[in-house]
Amino acid sequence: MKKISGLSVVMAALIGFSTVAAAEGAREVLVYKDPSCGCCSSWASHLAASKALAPKAIETVNMSAIKTKLKVPQDLASCHTAVVAGYVVEGHVPAADIKQLLAMKRSNIIGLAVPGMPAGSPGMDAGGRRDPYTVYAFDSNGRRWPFAQHN
């Protein structure tokens, strides 16, 4: 029994090292989410799968305070709010769009948002159903414009 438990400890250490190595160089994404929300966790998994983004969940029951503090326009709100490299990411924004924003380094944009919870968006698996949706960019004055369209 000792050999098996010793082997388990070694395997756990190797697996842990692989996880750290894979996340090396990835941008940390702080994901504010309600503890009971499953789609938020699925979206975070989508980010992690991109290998460029490393989500870290921060559970809170007061999401409205987070959204207000980060200046998320009410009509662009969704279930979770994230912060990466100083940008706000609201809702089910695809990892590719976040990476594009980070590469652009636009100072007039404070965030990206997918309002609501569209079926088929990252984290919102709906049995093959995919609703078209728009990712909006927004600024500190609440102005918004289309950033990306997903069909």
Protein backbone atom coordinates (compact mmCIF):
# COMPACT_ATOMS: atom_id res chain seq x y z
CA MET A 1 0.00 0.00 0.00
CA LYS A 2 2.88 2.40 0.73
CA LYS A 3 4.30 1.99 -2.80
CA ILE A 4 0.96 2.92 -4.36
CA SER A 5 0.52 5.97 -2.14
CA GLY A 6 4.14 7.03 -2.79
CA LEU A 7 3.60 6.64 -6.53
CA SER A 8 0.39 8.67 -6.24
CA VAL A 9 2.30 11.50 -4.56
CA VAL A 10 4.93 11.51 -7.33
CA MET A 11 2.23 11.45 -10.05
CA ALA A 12 0.35 14.30 -8.37
CA ALA A 13 3.56 16.36 -8.24
CA LEU A 14 4.26 15.72 -11.94
CA ILE A 15 0.68 16.59 -12.92
CA GLY A 16 0.88 19.79 -10.85
CA PHE A 17 4.16 20.73 -12.53
CA SER A 18 2.66 20.16 -16.00
CA THR A 19 -0.28 22.42 -15.13
CA VAL A 20 2.04 25.20 -13.95
CA ALA A 21 4.26 24.82 -17.02
CA ALA A 22 1.27 24.98 -19.37
CA ALA A 23 0.06 28.18 -17.73
CA GLU A 24 3.49 29.84 -17.95
CA GLY A 25 3.26 32.95 -20.09
CA ALA A 26 -0.55 32.94 -19.99
CA ARG A 27 -2.31 36.18 -18.98
CA GLU A 28 -4.09 35.93 -15.64
CA VAL A 29 -7.83 36.57 -15.87
CA LEU A 30 -9.67 37.34 -12.62
CA VAL A 31 -13.17 35.91 -13.06
CA TYR A 32 -15.78 37.28 -10.63
CA LYS A 33 -18.65 34.80 -10.46
CA ASP A 34 -21.52 33.67 -8.30
CA PRO A 35 -20.58 30.45 -6.45
CA SER A 36 -23.58 28.59 -7.88
CA CYS A 37 -23.07 29.53 -11.54
CA GLY A 38 -22.08 26.62 -13.77
CA CYS A 39 -21.83 28.52 -17.04
CA CYS A 40 -19.22 30.85 -15.51
CA SER A 41 -17.03 27.85 -14.73
CA SER A 42 -17.54 26.52 -18.27
CA TRP A 43 -16.48 29.89 -19.71
CA ALA A 44 -13.36 29.87 -17.50
CA SER A 45 -12.54 26.40 -18.86
CA HIS A 46 -12.88 27.80 -22.40
CA LEU A 47 -10.33 30.51 -21.52
CA ALA A 48 -7.91 27.99 -20.00
CA ALA A 49 -8.15 25.81 -23.12
CA SER A 50 -6.81 28.75 -25.16
CA LYS A 51 -3.48 28.32 -23.34
CA ALA A 52 -2.99 32.11 -23.55
CA LEU A 53 -5.39 32.98 -20.72
CA ALA A 54 -5.24 31.68 -17.15
CA PRO A 55 -8.55 32.19 -15.33
CA LYS A 56 -8.65 32.56 -11.55
CA ALA A 57 -12.15 32.40 -10.05
CA ILE A 58 -13.19 34.87 -7.36
CA GLU A 59 -16.56 33.87 -5.96
CA THR A 60 -18.94 36.58 -4.78
CA VAL A 61 -22.67 36.91 -4.29
CA ASN A 62 -22.58 40.67 -4.95
CA MET A 63 -21.99 40.75 -8.69
CA SER A 64 -23.84 44.05 -9.16
CA ALA A 65 -21.24 45.86 -7.01
CA ILE A 66 -18.43 44.42 -9.13
CA LYS A 67 -20.15 45.50 -12.36
CA THR A 68 -20.74 49.02 -11.00
CA LYS A 69 -17.15 49.38 -9.80
CA LEU A 70 -15.81 48.26 -13.19
CA LYS A 71 -18.23 50.52 -15.15
CA VAL A 72 -20.05 47.76 -17.01
CA PRO A 73 -23.06 49.35 -18.75
CA GLN A 74 -26.27 47.80 -17.37
CA ASP A 75 -27.61 46.88 -20.80
CA LEU A 76 -24.41 44.94 -21.57
CA ALA A 77 -24.50 42.90 -18.35
CA SER A 78 -24.27 39.13 -18.17
CA CYS A 79 -23.62 36.66 -15.37
CA HIS A 80 -19.84 36.95 -14.77
CA THR A 81 -17.32 39.78 -14.98
CA ALA A 82 -13.60 39.37 -15.52
CA VAL A 83 -10.51 41.56 -15.57
CA VAL A 84 -7.42 40.90 -17.70
CA ALA A 85 -4.51 43.31 -18.20
CA GLY A 86 -6.69 46.19 -16.99
CA TYR A 87 -9.56 45.42 -19.39
CA VAL A 88 -13.05 44.37 -18.26
CA VAL A 89 -14.60 41.31 -19.88
CA GLU A 90 -18.34 40.93 -19.32
CA GLY A 91 -20.12 37.69 -20.10
CA HIS A 92 -19.39 34.95 -22.61
CA VAL A 93 -16.72 36.70 -24.70
CA PRO A 94 -14.69 34.21 -26.77
CA ALA A 95 -11.00 33.81 -25.85
CA ALA A 96 -9.99 34.77 -29.41
CA ASP A 97 -11.69 38.18 -29.03
CA ILE A 98 -9.95 38.78 -25.69
CA LYS A 99 -6.58 37.89 -27.23
CA GLN A 100 -7.30 40.26 -30.13
CA LEU A 101 -8.07 43.12 -27.72
CA LEU A 102 -4.87 42.44 -25.75
CA ALA A 103 -2.84 42.52 -28.97
CA MET A 104 -4.44 45.81 -30.06
CA LYS A 105 -3.68 47.65 -26.79
CA ARG A 106 -6.50 50.16 -27.39
CA SER A 107 -6.63 52.87 -24.71
CA ASN A 108 -10.15 54.03 -25.66
CA ILE A 109 -11.63 50.61 -24.78
CA ILE A 110 -12.12 49.64 -21.15
CA GLY A 111 -13.81 46.36 -21.94
CA LEU A 112 -15.64 43.83 -24.06
CA ALA A 113 -19.10 42.46 -23.39
CA VAL A 114 -21.55 39.85 -24.61
CA PRO A 115 -24.89 40.88 -23.12
CA GLY A 116 -27.16 38.16 -21.81
CA MET A 117 -26.28 34.53 -22.24
CA PRO A 118 -26.51 33.57 -25.95
CA ALA A 119 -26.87 29.86 -26.70
CA GLY A 120 -23.71 28.43 -28.23
CA SER A 121 -21.40 31.15 -26.93
CA PRO A 122 -18.38 29.90 -24.90
CA GLY A 123 -19.71 28.33 -21.71
CA MET A 124 -23.31 28.28 -22.95
CA ASP A 125 -23.54 24.89 -24.62
CA ALA A 126 -27.09 24.33 -25.77
CA GLY A 127 -27.06 20.92 -27.40
CA GLY A 128 -25.78 22.18 -30.73
CA ARG A 129 -27.97 25.30 -30.84
CA ARG A 130 -25.95 28.41 -31.74
CA ASP A 131 -27.58 31.82 -31.66
CA PRO A 132 -25.77 34.67 -33.41
CA TYR A 133 -24.34 37.27 -31.03
CA THR A 134 -22.25 40.42 -31.00
CA VAL A 135 -19.26 41.20 -28.81
CA TYR A 136 -19.33 44.91 -27.95
CA ALA A 137 -16.41 47.13 -26.99
CA PHE A 138 -17.22 49.86 -24.48
CA ASP A 139 -15.50 52.91 -23.02
CA SER A 140 -15.54 54.61 -19.61
CA ASN A 141 -18.46 56.84 -20.69
CA GLY A 142 -20.67 53.85 -21.52
CA ARG A 143 -20.35 54.28 -25.28
CA ARG A 144 -20.28 50.98 -27.10
CA TRP A 145 -19.73 49.66 -30.60
CA PRO A 146 -19.54 46.23 -32.24
CA PHE A 147 -16.14 44.57 -31.81
CA ALA A 148 -16.89 41.13 -33.28
CA GLN A 149 -19.87 39.23 -34.71
CA HIS A 150 -20.36 35.48 -34.18
CA ASN A 151 -22.90 33.58 -36.25
